[in-house]
Amino acid sequence: AFGEDQSRIRKDHAPENMAILRHIALNLLKHDKTEKVGVKSKRLNAGWNESYLMKVVGL
């Protein structure tokens, strides 16, 4: 969902740190029940719509 295969983050603990952040983001999107669409659509919507992003993050 986040293009992990194309990621160039390979040094030290960066891959593990990014995996944790991706997991958190994925969980936030999965638990959002305001829209009945897939995770990919929610991710794109959060990228385009700042108010939806703030709603998903909980701010």
Protein backbone atom coordinates (compact mmCIF):
# COMPACT_ATOMS: atom_id res chain seq x y z
CA ALA A 1 0.00 0.00 0.00
CA PHE A 2 2.93 2.34 0.60
CA GLY A 3 5.42 1.27 -2.09
CA GLU A 4 7.78 -0.55 0.26
CA ASP A 5 9.47 -2.42 -2.60
CA GLN A 6 10.53 0.85 -4.25
CA SER A 7 11.76 2.38 -1.00
CA ARG A 8 15.42 3.38 -0.90
CA ILE A 9 15.57 3.45 2.89
CA ARG A 10 18.16 0.78 3.71
CA LYS A 11 20.68 2.17 6.19
CA ASP A 12 20.92 1.40 9.93
CA HIS A 13 17.54 1.22 11.69
CA ALA A 14 15.67 3.32 9.12
CA PRO A 15 13.85 0.38 7.48
CA GLU A 16 12.53 -0.83 10.84
CA ASN A 17 11.50 2.69 11.86
CA MET A 18 9.65 3.26 8.59
CA ALA A 19 7.94 -0.13 8.90
CA ILE A 20 6.63 0.91 12.32
CA LEU A 21 5.35 4.24 10.95
CA ARG A 22 3.69 2.48 8.00
CA HIS A 23 2.05 0.01 10.38
CA ILE A 24 0.69 2.85 12.53
CA ALA A 25 -0.64 4.67 9.46
CA LEU A 26 -2.25 1.49 8.13
CA ASN A 27 -3.94 0.82 11.47
CA LEU A 28 -5.28 4.38 11.63
CA LEU A 29 -6.74 4.01 8.14
CA LYS A 30 -8.24 0.58 8.89
CA HIS A 31 -9.94 1.82 12.07
CA ASP A 32 -11.45 4.88 10.38
CA LYS A 33 -15.14 4.16 9.79
CA THR A 34 -16.20 7.52 8.33
CA GLU A 35 -15.89 6.27 4.74
CA LYS A 36 -16.83 2.86 3.37
CA VAL A 37 -13.94 2.54 0.93
CA GLY A 38 -10.71 0.56 0.85
CA VAL A 39 -7.45 1.46 2.56
CA LYS A 40 -5.92 2.61 -0.73
CA SER A 41 -8.74 5.10 -1.29
CA LYS A 42 -8.52 6.30 2.31
CA ARG A 43 -4.76 6.81 1.94
CA LEU A 44 -5.19 8.82 -1.25
CA ASN A 45 -8.01 10.86 0.30
CA ALA A 46 -5.85 11.63 3.35
CA GLY A 47 -3.11 12.84 1.00
CA TRP A 48 -5.49 15.14 -0.86
CA ASN A 49 -7.80 16.31 1.91
CA GLU A 50 -6.17 17.81 4.99
CA SER A 51 -9.38 17.84 7.03
CA TYR A 52 -9.84 14.10 6.41
CA LEU A 53 -6.19 13.51 7.37
CA MET A 54 -6.70 15.35 10.66
CA LYS A 55 -9.85 13.31 11.31
CA VAL A 56 -7.97 10.04 10.74
CA VAL A 57 -5.02 11.11 12.90
CA GLY A 58 -7.39 12.28 15.62
CA LEU A 59 -6.54 15.97 15.70
